[in-house]
Each structure stands twice: as structure tokens, then as C-alpha cells.
Amino acid sequence: MRQFIPSWLRVPIVFFAIAFFAEYMIDSGDKPAFIEYPLLSLFLVLVLLILIATEGIVSSMDNVLYQSLDEEAKARYDAQRTRTPKFIKWIQNTYKKLLGAKPIEEEHEIILDHNYDGIKELDNSLPPWWIYSFYISIAFAAVYLLKYHVFNGYSQYDELAQEYAEAKIAIEEYKKTAKDLVDFNTVELLTEASDLSNGKKIFDTNCVACHKIDGGGGIGPNLTDEYWVLGGGIKNVFKTVSEGGRDGKGMIAWKQNLKPSEIAQVASYVLTFQGTTPAEPKDPEGELWIPEGSKTENTETSLTEEISTETDSTTVN
């Protein structure tokens, strides 16, 4: 096969095959491997030079051996080189059969009695490959019709719904590891020791100047009571740390200095001060914060207490 593929074609084919294999095997992220790893570029250049040198050496040896042959051997060698391989012959014959064209010597059999200024018309039949393709398309259309329009096979809408479901699962899995995607709407209270430890470090570095080490409050409000200026709970505390306090006064917005995951950690740590007793607590500021889940319970408890009081009073009277 070597004599049927010229060297100027063999060298690029082998070189790009090696380059593609290297690119496929080496994980280089978004960049091409030969850019991410300069040594790979050097390796590919060496491979190209070796291929060119190999072709030159083989051609030179082939020429030297050819010149050393006698006339009879040269004739046999030339006949061998010009002989078409069986595989190539099979491809050529198959192509001719699929083309279905008449040889030039037989065109007189299909010539029509039309003559346009010396231009004659041939009555060629449709190529077999075209006829076979047409029959295959008819069979495919019949199968498609039965599967998707009669028996309601797996359609593009089903495929789209499946892709949506898979994408949703992939997004949820990604969010588990991509903590910096958290925001005011998706943040949740962190309870892991590592998260609270990181939150404490951030608080000790940035927050003690205004809230004191025990959260009792100084310039900033007391973090240990149930009163909050901008609302309590993990979502409101996260938003306050991220966006800052009231306009013109209060805490700065820390979103420029802290990552979302770090804001979630320090907000979760701040909520651990709830119910503790600081050394010098500041007076409450803001409004009493009642979590959403406890409003109904508190109301029911108050009503029960009022009914009990009225009952006791009636009994005494």
C-alpha cells in the first residue's frame, strides 16, 4: 500500500494521528494540550522531523536498491509497483456497479435520436446507489411512521423532558460542591464544625471591632438577643452581611471582600450567639424577630393562656 500513498500525504496523516492521540490522552482543560504543555509541542516537532527523515531514508534506500538490480529484476519490480491491490480493485469495481454508467465503447446502445448542434443525448438509467437509497428511505419512513405516530414511540418531547431531568440532577450535584453559588434565596444554616470554625475566624478578623468577641455589641448591635434591625434568621443575616446595613449608617457590604460561602459561614456563626450571655450586653435594637414556624405556636399558646386565666377567674368568683 505504501506505493499508492505518496510521502507528502503519508507524513501529515501519521503526524496528525499522533497529535490527535496525544490530545485525546492528555487532560489539558479548556486549552489545547500542546499550548498547556509546551514540552508536548517540542515532542510533536521532533515527531514531525523524525517522520520526514524516515521518509527520506526509506526513499534513498529504495532508490539505491533499485539501481543495484539488473534489467530483468527492474522489470519485475516495476510490474510489482504498478500492480493494483485486490482491495483497491474491489473498491473500483463496486464504485462502477453503483454508478451504473455504460462504458464509452457501449454508449451507442443508449444514445437517443436527439441532436442539438452536434450534442447528443444518452438514455442513462438512474444510478443503482440512488435507487437503493430511495428504497431505503421509503422503508425508513414506513418504520418511522409506525413507531412514532402509531405506537407512540420515544419522541423528541420525551427526550427533552429526560434531558431536563438529568440537567436538574446535574445542577443539584454541582451545587453541593460549588458552595460559592449560594445566595440570599438559597442559603441554609450551616452546622458543620468546619464551617462554624471558619465562620469564627472571619468574625474574629472582621467583626469583633463592632460586635465584640462575645457578640454583646458595641458600635454594632447586640447579636445575642432576639431583636434585629434588618431581620433575623440565616437568610436575613446573610443578606445583611452581604449587602451591608442601613443606607448611610451601619455595616458595610462585605460581598466585595468575602466569598458567598464565607458569608454563609460567618452568618451561621453569628446565629450561634443567640441565647448566650455576653459580658457587657448592649441594649436591644430593632424589632423582636419571631421565626416563621413559631408565630402560630406562640399565638396558640397566648390564646390558651388567656382562656386558662379567664377560666380560673370565673372559678374564683
C-alpha atoms as a PDB file:
ATOM      1  CA  MET A   1       0.000   0.000   0.000  1.00  0.00           C
ATOM      2  CA  ARG A   2       2.946   2.318   0.527  1.00  0.00           C
ATOM      3  CA  GLN A   3       3.461   2.910  -3.181  1.00  0.00           C
ATOM      4  CA  PHE A   4      -0.166   4.053  -3.595  1.00  0.00           C
ATOM      5  CA  ILE A   5       0.055   6.769  -0.900  1.00  0.00           C
ATOM      6  CA  PRO A   6       2.661   9.465  -1.657  1.00  0.00           C
ATOM      7  CA  SER A   7       5.064  10.577   1.055  1.00  0.00           C
ATOM      8  CA  TRP A   8       3.667  14.130   1.112  1.00  0.00           C
ATOM      9  CA  LEU A   9       0.365  12.585   2.189  1.00  0.00           C
ATOM     10  CA  ARG A  10       1.705   9.841   4.478  1.00  0.00           C
ATOM     11  CA  VAL A  11       3.675  12.219   6.699  1.00  0.00           C
ATOM     12  CA  PRO A  12       0.719  14.555   7.561  1.00  0.00           C
ATOM     13  CA  ILE A  13      -1.615  11.587   8.135  1.00  0.00           C
ATOM     14  CA  VAL A  14       0.732   9.897  10.607  1.00  0.00           C
ATOM     15  CA  PHE A  15       1.676  13.197  12.284  1.00  0.00           C
ATOM     16  CA  PHE A  16      -1.915  14.346  12.876  1.00  0.00           C
ATOM     17  CA  ALA A  17      -2.871  10.860  14.066  1.00  0.00           C
ATOM     18  CA  ILE A  18      -0.139  11.048  16.745  1.00  0.00           C
ATOM     19  CA  ALA A  19      -1.129  14.642  17.647  1.00  0.00           C
ATOM     20  CA  PHE A  20      -4.796  13.678  17.965  1.00  0.00           C
ATOM     21  CA  PHE A  21      -3.934  10.674  20.151  1.00  0.00           C
ATOM     22  CA  ALA A  22      -1.815  12.881  22.439  1.00  0.00           C
ATOM     23  CA  GLU A  23      -4.612  15.470  22.663  1.00  0.00           C
ATOM     24  CA  TYR A  24      -7.120  12.738  23.496  1.00  0.00           C
ATOM     25  CA  MET A  25      -4.989  11.112  26.200  1.00  0.00           C
ATOM     26  CA  ILE A  26      -3.750  14.288  27.941  1.00  0.00           C
ATOM     27  CA  ASP A  27      -6.203  16.225  30.109  1.00  0.00           C
ATOM     28  CA  SER A  28      -5.450  19.905  29.459  1.00  0.00           C
ATOM     29  CA  GLY A  29      -8.767  21.514  30.423  1.00  0.00           C
ATOM     30  CA  ASP A  30     -10.158  24.129  28.055  1.00  0.00           C
ATOM     31  CA  LYS A  31      -6.829  24.763  26.331  1.00  0.00           C
ATOM     32  CA  PRO A  32      -5.217  22.520  23.685  1.00  0.00           C
ATOM     33  CA  ALA A  33      -2.640  20.177  25.168  1.00  0.00           C
ATOM     34  CA  PHE A  34       0.222  21.497  23.032  1.00  0.00           C
ATOM     35  CA  ILE A  35      -0.470  25.021  24.404  1.00  0.00           C
ATOM     36  CA  GLU A  36      -0.986  23.980  28.013  1.00  0.00           C
ATOM     37  CA  TYR A  37       2.163  21.811  27.966  1.00  0.00           C
ATOM     38  CA  PRO A  38       4.975  23.360  25.856  1.00  0.00           C
ATOM     39  CA  LEU A  39       7.008  20.137  26.104  1.00  0.00           C
ATOM     40  CA  LEU A  40       4.303  18.406  24.097  1.00  0.00           C
ATOM     41  CA  SER A  41       4.787  20.935  21.287  1.00  0.00           C
ATOM     42  CA  LEU A  42       8.502  20.156  21.298  1.00  0.00           C
ATOM     43  CA  PHE A  43       7.709  16.433  21.210  1.00  0.00           C
ATOM     44  CA  LEU A  44       5.377  16.873  18.194  1.00  0.00           C
ATOM     45  CA  VAL A  45       8.019  18.878  16.339  1.00  0.00           C
ATOM     46  CA  LEU A  46      10.534  16.086  16.951  1.00  0.00           C
ATOM     47  CA  VAL A  47       7.999  13.514  15.732  1.00  0.00           C
ATOM     48  CA  LEU A  48       7.472  15.509  12.522  1.00  0.00           C
ATOM     49  CA  LEU A  49      11.204  15.747  11.903  1.00  0.00           C
ATOM     50  CA  ILE A  50      11.611  12.003  12.534  1.00  0.00           C
ATOM     51  CA  LEU A  51       8.811  11.199  10.076  1.00  0.00           C
ATOM     52  CA  ILE A  52      10.338  13.382   7.385  1.00  0.00           C
ATOM     53  CA  ALA A  53      13.787  11.905   7.986  1.00  0.00           C
ATOM     54  CA  THR A  54      12.373   8.361   7.901  1.00  0.00           C
ATOM     55  CA  GLU A  55      10.656   9.010   4.575  1.00  0.00           C
ATOM     56  CA  GLY A  56      13.878  10.431   3.155  1.00  0.00           C
ATOM     57  CA  ILE A  57      15.960   7.483   4.351  1.00  0.00           C
ATOM     58  CA  VAL A  58      13.491   4.870   3.076  1.00  0.00           C
ATOM     59  CA  SER A  59      13.249   6.595  -0.316  1.00  0.00           C
ATOM     60  CA  SER A  60      17.041   6.785  -0.597  1.00  0.00           C
ATOM     61  CA  MET A  61      17.475   3.093   0.302  1.00  0.00           C
ATOM     62  CA  ASP A  62      14.727   2.145  -2.137  1.00  0.00           C
ATOM     63  CA  ASN A  63      16.462   4.054  -4.920  1.00  0.00           C
ATOM     64  CA  VAL A  64      19.858   2.521  -4.106  1.00  0.00           C
ATOM     65  CA  LEU A  65      18.423  -0.997  -4.123  1.00  0.00           C
ATOM     66  CA  TYR A  66      16.599  -0.324  -7.388  1.00  0.00           C
ATOM     67  CA  GLN A  67      19.789   0.840  -9.089  1.00  0.00           C
ATOM     68  CA  SER A  68      21.604  -2.319  -7.963  1.00  0.00           C
ATOM     69  CA  LEU A  69      19.113  -4.579  -9.784  1.00  0.00           C
ATOM     70  CA  ASP A  70      19.624  -5.955 -13.274  1.00  0.00           C
ATOM     71  CA  GLU A  71      17.202  -5.146 -16.080  1.00  0.00           C
ATOM     72  CA  GLU A  72      15.045  -8.222 -15.569  1.00  0.00           C
ATOM     73  CA  ALA A  73      14.741  -7.593 -11.822  1.00  0.00           C
ATOM     74  CA  LYS A  74      13.936  -3.955 -12.509  1.00  0.00           C
ATOM     75  CA  ALA A  75      11.124  -5.012 -14.830  1.00  0.00           C
ATOM     76  CA  ARG A  76       9.650  -7.352 -12.200  1.00  0.00           C
ATOM     77  CA  TYR A  77       9.974  -4.630  -9.560  1.00  0.00           C
ATOM     78  CA  ASP A  78       8.232  -2.062 -11.767  1.00  0.00           C
ATOM     79  CA  ALA A  79       5.447  -4.533 -12.512  1.00  0.00           C
ATOM     80  CA  GLN A  80       5.001  -5.199  -8.814  1.00  0.00           C
ATOM     81  CA  ARG A  81       4.829  -1.492  -8.001  1.00  0.00           C
ATOM     82  CA  THR A  82       2.267  -0.755 -10.650  1.00  0.00           C
ATOM     83  CA  ARG A  83       0.070  -3.741  -9.790  1.00  0.00           C
ATOM     84  CA  THR A  84      -3.207  -2.676  -8.234  1.00  0.00           C
ATOM     85  CA  PRO A  85      -4.035  -4.435  -4.916  1.00  0.00           C
ATOM     86  CA  LYS A  86      -7.129  -6.606  -4.769  1.00  0.00           C
ATOM     87  CA  PHE A  87      -8.772  -4.354  -2.213  1.00  0.00           C
ATOM     88  CA  ILE A  88      -8.366  -1.290  -4.460  1.00  0.00           C
ATOM     89  CA  LYS A  89      -9.732  -3.283  -7.395  1.00  0.00           C
ATOM     90  CA  TRP A  90     -12.761  -4.296  -5.321  1.00  0.00           C
ATOM     91  CA  ILE A  91     -13.440  -0.659  -4.434  1.00  0.00           C
ATOM     92  CA  GLN A  92     -13.143   0.373  -8.084  1.00  0.00           C
ATOM     93  CA  ASN A  93     -15.474  -2.390  -9.279  1.00  0.00           C
ATOM     94  CA  THR A  94     -18.031  -1.638  -6.560  1.00  0.00           C
ATOM     95  CA  TYR A  95     -17.973   2.036  -7.480  1.00  0.00           C
ATOM     96  CA  LYS A  96     -18.586   1.223 -11.132  1.00  0.00           C
ATOM     97  CA  LYS A  97     -21.508  -1.051 -10.250  1.00  0.00           C
ATOM     98  CA  LEU A  98     -23.091   1.562  -8.007  1.00  0.00           C
ATOM     99  CA  LEU A  99     -22.577   4.234 -10.644  1.00  0.00           C
ATOM    100  CA  GLY A 100     -24.289   2.098 -13.281  1.00  0.00           C
ATOM    101  CA  ALA A 101     -22.750   4.045 -16.174  1.00  0.00           C
ATOM    102  CA  LYS A 102     -22.122   2.498 -19.563  1.00  0.00           C
ATOM    103  CA  PRO A 103     -18.558   2.399 -20.812  1.00  0.00           C
ATOM    104  CA  ILE A 104     -17.796   4.810 -23.617  1.00  0.00           C
ATOM    105  CA  GLU A 105     -17.481   1.885 -26.007  1.00  0.00           C
ATOM    106  CA  GLU A 106     -21.126   0.919 -25.300  1.00  0.00           C
ATOM    107  CA  GLU A 107     -22.713   4.369 -25.341  1.00  0.00           C
ATOM    108  CA  HIS A 108     -24.042   3.782 -28.865  1.00  0.00           C
ATOM    109  CA  GLU A 109     -26.560   1.361 -27.319  1.00  0.00           C
ATOM    110  CA  ILE A 110     -28.288   4.059 -25.235  1.00  0.00           C
ATOM    111  CA  ILE A 111     -27.959   7.075 -27.496  1.00  0.00           C
ATOM    112  CA  LEU A 112     -31.231   8.856 -28.306  1.00  0.00           C
ATOM    113  CA  ASP A 113     -32.298  10.224 -31.637  1.00  0.00           C
ATOM    114  CA  HIS A 114     -31.800  13.777 -30.432  1.00  0.00           C
ATOM    115  CA  ASN A 115     -29.200  16.085 -31.890  1.00  0.00           C
ATOM    116  CA  TYR A 116     -28.655  19.651 -30.771  1.00  0.00           C
ATOM    117  CA  ASP A 117     -25.930  21.218 -32.853  1.00  0.00           C
ATOM    118  CA  GLY A 118     -23.861  18.063 -32.619  1.00  0.00           C
ATOM    119  CA  ILE A 119     -24.661  17.452 -28.945  1.00  0.00           C
ATOM    120  CA  LYS A 120     -26.306  14.056 -28.480  1.00  0.00           C
ATOM    121  CA  GLU A 121     -28.384  12.774 -25.556  1.00  0.00           C
ATOM    122  CA  LEU A 122     -27.877   9.480 -23.735  1.00  0.00           C
ATOM    123  CA  ASP A 123     -30.714   7.491 -22.180  1.00  0.00           C
ATOM    124  CA  ASN A 124     -28.878   6.720 -18.937  1.00  0.00           C
ATOM    125  CA  SER A 125     -30.773   4.918 -16.176  1.00  0.00           C
ATOM    126  CA  LEU A 126     -30.737   6.210 -12.602  1.00  0.00           C
ATOM    127  CA  PRO A 127     -27.605   5.086 -10.747  1.00  0.00           C
ATOM    128  CA  PRO A 128     -28.165   1.986  -8.612  1.00  0.00           C
ATOM    129  CA  TRP A 129     -26.900   3.811  -5.494  1.00  0.00           C
ATOM    130  CA  TRP A 130     -29.659   6.428  -5.967  1.00  0.00           C
ATOM    131  CA  ILE A 131     -32.374   3.795  -6.482  1.00  0.00           C
ATOM    132  CA  TYR A 132     -31.239   1.794  -3.443  1.00  0.00           C
ATOM    133  CA  SER A 133     -31.152   4.962  -1.313  1.00  0.00           C
ATOM    134  CA  PHE A 134     -34.666   5.836  -2.435  1.00  0.00           C
ATOM    135  CA  TYR A 135     -35.967   2.380  -1.481  1.00  0.00           C
ATOM    136  CA  ILE A 136     -34.206   2.565   1.885  1.00  0.00           C
ATOM    137  CA  SER A 137     -35.774   5.991   2.572  1.00  0.00           C
ATOM    138  CA  ILE A 138     -39.248   4.558   1.828  1.00  0.00           C
ATOM    139  CA  ALA A 139     -38.669   1.671   4.249  1.00  0.00           C
ATOM    140  CA  PHE A 140     -37.317   4.065   6.877  1.00  0.00           C
ATOM    141  CA  ALA A 141     -40.343   6.353   6.513  1.00  0.00           C
ATOM    142  CA  ALA A 142     -42.728   3.394   6.987  1.00  0.00           C
ATOM    143  CA  VAL A 143     -40.923   2.242  10.135  1.00  0.00           C
ATOM    144  CA  TYR A 144     -40.768   5.812  11.471  1.00  0.00           C
ATOM    145  CA  LEU A 145     -44.494   6.324  10.856  1.00  0.00           C
ATOM    146  CA  LEU A 146     -45.446   3.147  12.690  1.00  0.00           C
ATOM    147  CA  LYS A 147     -43.106   3.679  15.615  1.00  0.00           C
ATOM    148  CA  TYR A 148     -43.727   7.362  16.384  1.00  0.00           C
ATOM    149  CA  HIS A 149     -47.219   8.062  15.008  1.00  0.00           C
ATOM    150  CA  VAL A 150     -48.994   4.757  15.517  1.00  0.00           C
ATOM    151  CA  PHE A 151     -47.329   3.158  18.537  1.00  0.00           C
ATOM    152  CA  ASN A 152     -46.252   6.477  20.170  1.00  0.00           C
ATOM    153  CA  GLY A 153     -42.569   5.694  20.422  1.00  0.00           C
ATOM    154  CA  TYR A 154     -39.977   7.646  22.365  1.00  0.00           C
ATOM    155  CA  SER A 155     -40.299  11.143  20.867  1.00  0.00           C
ATOM    156  CA  GLN A 156     -38.254  14.326  20.945  1.00  0.00           C
ATOM    157  CA  TYR A 157     -40.530  15.700  23.671  1.00  0.00           C
ATOM    158  CA  ASP A 158     -39.731  12.695  25.850  1.00  0.00           C
ATOM    159  CA  GLU A 159     -36.046  13.133  25.117  1.00  0.00           C
ATOM    160  CA  LEU A 160     -36.248  16.828  26.045  1.00  0.00           C
ATOM    161  CA  ALA A 161     -38.043  16.018  29.311  1.00  0.00           C
ATOM    162  CA  GLN A 162     -35.388  13.424  30.156  1.00  0.00           C
ATOM    163  CA  GLU A 163     -32.596  15.890  29.409  1.00  0.00           C
ATOM    164  CA  TYR A 164     -34.278  18.481  31.638  1.00  0.00           C
ATOM    165  CA  ALA A 165     -34.493  15.948  34.470  1.00  0.00           C
ATOM    166  CA  GLU A 166     -30.856  14.915  34.017  1.00  0.00           C
ATOM    167  CA  ALA A 167     -29.775  18.563  33.875  1.00  0.00           C
ATOM    168  CA  LYS A 168     -31.673  19.309  37.094  1.00  0.00           C
ATOM    169  CA  ILE A 169     -29.955  16.423  38.856  1.00  0.00           C
ATOM    170  CA  ALA A 170     -26.573  17.554  37.494  1.00  0.00           C
ATOM    171  CA  ILE A 171     -27.205  21.104  38.728  1.00  0.00           C
ATOM    172  CA  GLU A 172     -28.118  19.883  42.208  1.00  0.00           C
ATOM    173  CA  GLU A 173     -24.987  17.728  42.328  1.00  0.00           C
ATOM    174  CA  TYR A 174     -22.892  20.667  41.160  1.00  0.00           C
ATOM    175  CA  LYS A 175     -24.369  22.944  43.826  1.00  0.00           C
ATOM    176  CA  LYS A 176     -23.270  20.514  46.515  1.00  0.00           C
ATOM    177  CA  THR A 177     -19.634  21.128  45.635  1.00  0.00           C
ATOM    178  CA  ALA A 178     -19.938  24.721  44.333  1.00  0.00           C
ATOM    179  CA  LYS A 179     -20.618  26.471  47.650  1.00  0.00           C
ATOM    180  CA  ASP A 180     -19.972  29.929  46.214  1.00  0.00           C
ATOM    181  CA  LEU A 181     -23.198  29.705  44.192  1.00  0.00           C
ATOM    182  CA  VAL A 182     -25.177  30.273  47.387  1.00  0.00           C
ATOM    183  CA  ASP A 183     -27.196  33.500  47.653  1.00  0.00           C
ATOM    184  CA  PHE A 184     -29.887  35.115  49.820  1.00  0.00           C
ATOM    185  CA  ASN A 185     -32.587  32.809  48.437  1.00  0.00           C
ATOM    186  CA  THR A 186     -30.708  29.510  48.645  1.00  0.00           C
ATOM    187  CA  VAL A 187     -28.554  29.889  51.765  1.00  0.00           C
ATOM    188  CA  GLU A 188     -29.100  27.391  54.564  1.00  0.00           C
ATOM    189  CA  LEU A 189     -27.908  27.349  58.148  1.00  0.00           C
ATOM    190  CA  LEU A 190     -24.540  25.591  58.391  1.00  0.00           C
ATOM    191  CA  THR A 191     -23.971  23.328  61.373  1.00  0.00           C
ATOM    192  CA  GLU A 192     -20.756  21.505  60.456  1.00  0.00           C
ATOM    193  CA  ALA A 193     -17.875  22.161  62.856  1.00  0.00           C
ATOM    194  CA  SER A 194     -15.531  23.105  59.998  1.00  0.00           C
ATOM    195  CA  ASP A 195     -17.963  25.716  58.646  1.00  0.00           C
ATOM    196  CA  LEU A 196     -18.551  27.246  62.074  1.00  0.00           C
ATOM    197  CA  SER A 197     -14.799  27.262  62.760  1.00  0.00           C
ATOM    198  CA  ASN A 198     -14.156  29.183  59.522  1.00  0.00           C
ATOM    199  CA  GLY A 199     -17.044  31.493  60.382  1.00  0.00           C
ATOM    200  CA  LYS A 200     -15.478  32.221  63.767  1.00  0.00           C
ATOM    201  CA  LYS A 201     -12.154  33.097  62.121  1.00  0.00           C
ATOM    202  CA  ILE A 202     -13.890  35.519  59.758  1.00  0.00           C
ATOM    203  CA  PHE A 203     -15.871  37.039  62.651  1.00  0.00           C
ATOM    204  CA  ASP A 204     -12.768  37.447  64.830  1.00  0.00           C
ATOM    205  CA  THR A 205     -10.909  39.124  61.962  1.00  0.00           C
ATOM    206  CA  ASN A 206     -13.616  41.480  60.687  1.00  0.00           C
ATOM    207  CA  CYS A 207     -16.495  41.800  63.152  1.00  0.00           C
ATOM    208  CA  VAL A 208     -15.230  41.972  66.746  1.00  0.00           C
ATOM    209  CA  ALA A 209     -14.431  45.687  66.464  1.00  0.00           C
ATOM    210  CA  CYS A 210     -18.143  46.493  66.240  1.00  0.00           C
ATOM    211  CA  HIS A 211     -19.868  43.492  67.855  1.00  0.00           C
ATOM    212  CA  LYS A 212     -17.229  42.379  70.431  1.00  0.00           C
ATOM    213  CA  ILE A 213     -15.766  38.931  70.720  1.00  0.00           C
ATOM    214  CA  ASP A 214     -18.816  37.530  72.539  1.00  0.00           C
ATOM    215  CA  GLY A 215     -21.390  39.233  70.261  1.00  0.00           C
ATOM    216  CA  GLY A 216     -22.555  41.597  73.004  1.00  0.00           C
ATOM    217  CA  GLY A 217     -22.442  44.625  70.731  1.00  0.00           C
ATOM    218  CA  GLY A 218     -20.537  47.908  70.720  1.00  0.00           C
ATOM    219  CA  ILE A 219     -20.713  50.152  67.729  1.00  0.00           C
ATOM    220  CA  GLY A 220     -22.821  47.426  66.166  1.00  0.00           C
ATOM    221  CA  PRO A 221     -25.953  45.875  67.710  1.00  0.00           C
ATOM    222  CA  ASN A 222     -26.132  43.061  70.225  1.00  0.00           C
ATOM    223  CA  LEU A 223     -26.150  39.691  68.455  1.00  0.00           C
ATOM    224  CA  THR A 224     -27.228  37.614  71.466  1.00  0.00           C
ATOM    225  CA  ASP A 225     -30.784  38.885  71.942  1.00  0.00           C
ATOM    226  CA  GLU A 226     -33.876  38.301  69.802  1.00  0.00           C
ATOM    227  CA  TYR A 227     -34.040  41.836  68.390  1.00  0.00           C
ATOM    228  CA  TRP A 228     -32.761  42.513  64.873  1.00  0.00           C
ATOM    229  CA  VAL A 229     -32.511  45.748  62.897  1.00  0.00           C
ATOM    230  CA  LEU A 230     -32.853  44.092  59.481  1.00  0.00           C
ATOM    231  CA  GLY A 231     -34.387  40.782  60.443  1.00  0.00           C
ATOM    232  CA  GLY A 232     -33.041  37.589  61.938  1.00  0.00           C
ATOM    233  CA  GLY A 233     -32.654  34.099  60.573  1.00  0.00           C
ATOM    234  CA  ILE A 234     -29.963  32.809  58.239  1.00  0.00           C
ATOM    235  CA  LYS A 235     -31.391  34.426  55.097  1.00  0.00           C
ATOM    236  CA  ASN A 236     -31.670  37.939  56.564  1.00  0.00           C
ATOM    237  CA  VAL A 237     -28.303  37.750  58.318  1.00  0.00           C
ATOM    238  CA  PHE A 238     -26.664  36.522  55.096  1.00  0.00           C
ATOM    239  CA  LYS A 239     -28.244  39.415  53.156  1.00  0.00           C
ATOM    240  CA  THR A 240     -27.199  41.960  55.788  1.00  0.00           C
ATOM    241  CA  VAL A 241     -23.584  40.764  55.795  1.00  0.00           C
ATOM    242  CA  SER A 242     -23.503  40.638  52.009  1.00  0.00           C
ATOM    243  CA  GLU A 243     -25.300  43.906  51.188  1.00  0.00           C
ATOM    244  CA  GLY A 244     -24.481  45.892  54.324  1.00  0.00           C
ATOM    245  CA  GLY A 245     -26.659  47.691  56.874  1.00  0.00           C
ATOM    246  CA  ARG A 246     -28.976  50.648  56.513  1.00  0.00           C
ATOM    247  CA  ASP A 247     -28.121  53.320  53.954  1.00  0.00           C
ATOM    248  CA  GLY A 248     -25.830  55.985  55.350  1.00  0.00           C
ATOM    249  CA  LYS A 249     -25.085  54.099  58.553  1.00  0.00           C
ATOM    250  CA  GLY A 250     -24.446  50.650  59.787  1.00  0.00           C
ATOM    251  CA  MET A 251     -22.243  47.853  58.490  1.00  0.00           C
ATOM    252  CA  ILE A 252     -20.501  47.961  55.132  1.00  0.00           C
ATOM    253  CA  ALA A 253     -21.296  45.446  52.383  1.00  0.00           C
ATOM    254  CA  TRP A 254     -18.875  42.532  52.757  1.00  0.00           C
ATOM    255  CA  LYS A 255     -19.662  40.934  49.382  1.00  0.00           C
ATOM    256  CA  GLN A 256     -16.626  42.693  47.897  1.00  0.00           C
ATOM    257  CA  ASN A 257     -14.304  41.107  50.466  1.00  0.00           C
ATOM    258  CA  LEU A 258     -15.852  37.728  51.228  1.00  0.00           C
ATOM    259  CA  LYS A 259     -16.976  34.864  49.034  1.00  0.00           C
ATOM    260  CA  PRO A 260     -20.617  33.736  49.250  1.00  0.00           C
ATOM    261  CA  SER A 261     -19.521  30.553  51.026  1.00  0.00           C
ATOM    262  CA  GLU A 262     -17.596  32.621  53.584  1.00  0.00           C
ATOM    263  CA  ILE A 263     -20.597  34.906  54.146  1.00  0.00           C
ATOM    264  CA  ALA A 264     -22.739  31.818  54.774  1.00  0.00           C
ATOM    265  CA  GLN A 265     -20.170  30.551  57.294  1.00  0.00           C
ATOM    266  CA  VAL A 266     -19.915  33.795  59.250  1.00  0.00           C
ATOM    267  CA  ALA A 267     -23.720  34.294  59.174  1.00  0.00           C
ATOM    268  CA  SER A 268     -24.197  30.791  60.590  1.00  0.00           C
ATOM    269  CA  TYR A 269     -21.605  31.522  63.286  1.00  0.00           C
ATOM    270  CA  VAL A 270     -23.346  34.809  64.203  1.00  0.00           C
ATOM    271  CA  LEU A 271     -26.559  32.883  64.883  1.00  0.00           C
ATOM    272  CA  THR A 272     -24.722  30.714  67.450  1.00  0.00           C
ATOM    273  CA  PHE A 273     -24.659  33.802  69.738  1.00  0.00           C
ATOM    274  CA  GLN A 274     -28.437  33.591  70.144  1.00  0.00           C
ATOM    275  CA  GLY A 275     -29.346  32.875  73.773  1.00  0.00           C
ATOM    276  CA  THR A 276     -25.806  33.352  75.121  1.00  0.00           C
ATOM    277  CA  THR A 277     -24.913  35.845  77.858  1.00  0.00           C
ATOM    278  CA  PRO A 278     -22.223  38.363  76.879  1.00  0.00           C
ATOM    279  CA  ALA A 279     -20.109  40.208  79.457  1.00  0.00           C
ATOM    280  CA  GLU A 280     -21.476  43.690  78.626  1.00  0.00           C
ATOM    281  CA  PRO A 281     -24.651  43.294  76.544  1.00  0.00           C
ATOM    282  CA  LYS A 282     -25.842  46.294  74.594  1.00  0.00           C
ATOM    283  CA  ASP A 283     -29.498  47.313  74.808  1.00  0.00           C
ATOM    284  CA  PRO A 284     -31.761  45.678  72.211  1.00  0.00           C
ATOM    285  CA  GLU A 285     -32.139  47.420  68.845  1.00  0.00           C
ATOM    286  CA  GLY A 286     -34.655  46.881  66.078  1.00  0.00           C
ATOM    287  CA  GLU A 287     -37.687  44.652  66.346  1.00  0.00           C
ATOM    288  CA  LEU A 288     -38.338  41.331  68.006  1.00  0.00           C
ATOM    289  CA  TRP A 289     -37.682  38.571  65.483  1.00  0.00           C
ATOM    290  CA  ILE A 290     -40.004  35.590  65.561  1.00  0.00           C
ATOM    291  CA  PRO A 291     -39.165  32.728  63.176  1.00  0.00           C
ATOM    292  CA  GLU A 292     -41.932  31.860  60.704  1.00  0.00           C
ATOM    293  CA  GLY A 293     -42.536  28.415  62.161  1.00  0.00           C
ATOM    294  CA  SER A 294     -43.100  29.703  65.682  1.00  0.00           C
ATOM    295  CA  LYS A 295     -45.619  32.521  65.051  1.00  0.00           C
ATOM    296  CA  THR A 296     -48.637  30.195  65.006  1.00  0.00           C
ATOM    297  CA  GLU A 297     -47.376  28.271  68.011  1.00  0.00           C
ATOM    298  CA  ASN A 298     -46.874  31.472  70.038  1.00  0.00           C
ATOM    299  CA  THR A 299     -50.346  32.704  69.083  1.00  0.00           C
ATOM    300  CA  GLU A 300     -51.951  29.417  70.089  1.00  0.00           C
ATOM    301  CA  THR A 301     -50.015  29.455  73.369  1.00  0.00           C
ATOM    302  CA  SER A 302     -51.194  33.011  74.140  1.00  0.00           C
ATOM    303  CA  LEU A 303     -54.813  32.099  73.419  1.00  0.00           C
ATOM    304  CA  THR A 304     -54.538  29.038  75.655  1.00  0.00           C
ATOM    305  CA  GLU A 305     -53.095  31.127  78.458  1.00  0.00           C
ATOM    306  CA  GLU A 306     -55.869  33.729  78.107  1.00  0.00           C
ATOM    307  CA  ILE A 307     -58.581  31.028  78.194  1.00  0.00           C
ATOM    308  CA  SER A 308     -56.952  29.426  81.229  1.00  0.00           C
ATOM    309  CA  THR A 309     -56.817  32.794  83.006  1.00  0.00           C
ATOM    310  CA  GLU A 310     -60.477  33.545  82.261  1.00  0.00           C
ATOM    311  CA  THR A 311     -61.484  30.061  83.462  1.00  0.00           C
ATOM    312  CA  ASP A 312     -59.546  30.499  86.711  1.00  0.00           C
ATOM    313  CA  SER A 313     -61.111  33.899  87.272  1.00  0.00           C
ATOM    314  CA  THR A 314     -64.635  32.504  86.745  1.00  0.00           C
ATOM    315  CA  THR A 315     -63.960  29.681  89.161  1.00  0.00           C
ATOM    316  CA  VAL A 316     -62.738  32.045  91.867  1.00  0.00           C
ATOM    317  CA  ASN A 317     -65.812  34.260  91.509  1.00  0.00           C
END
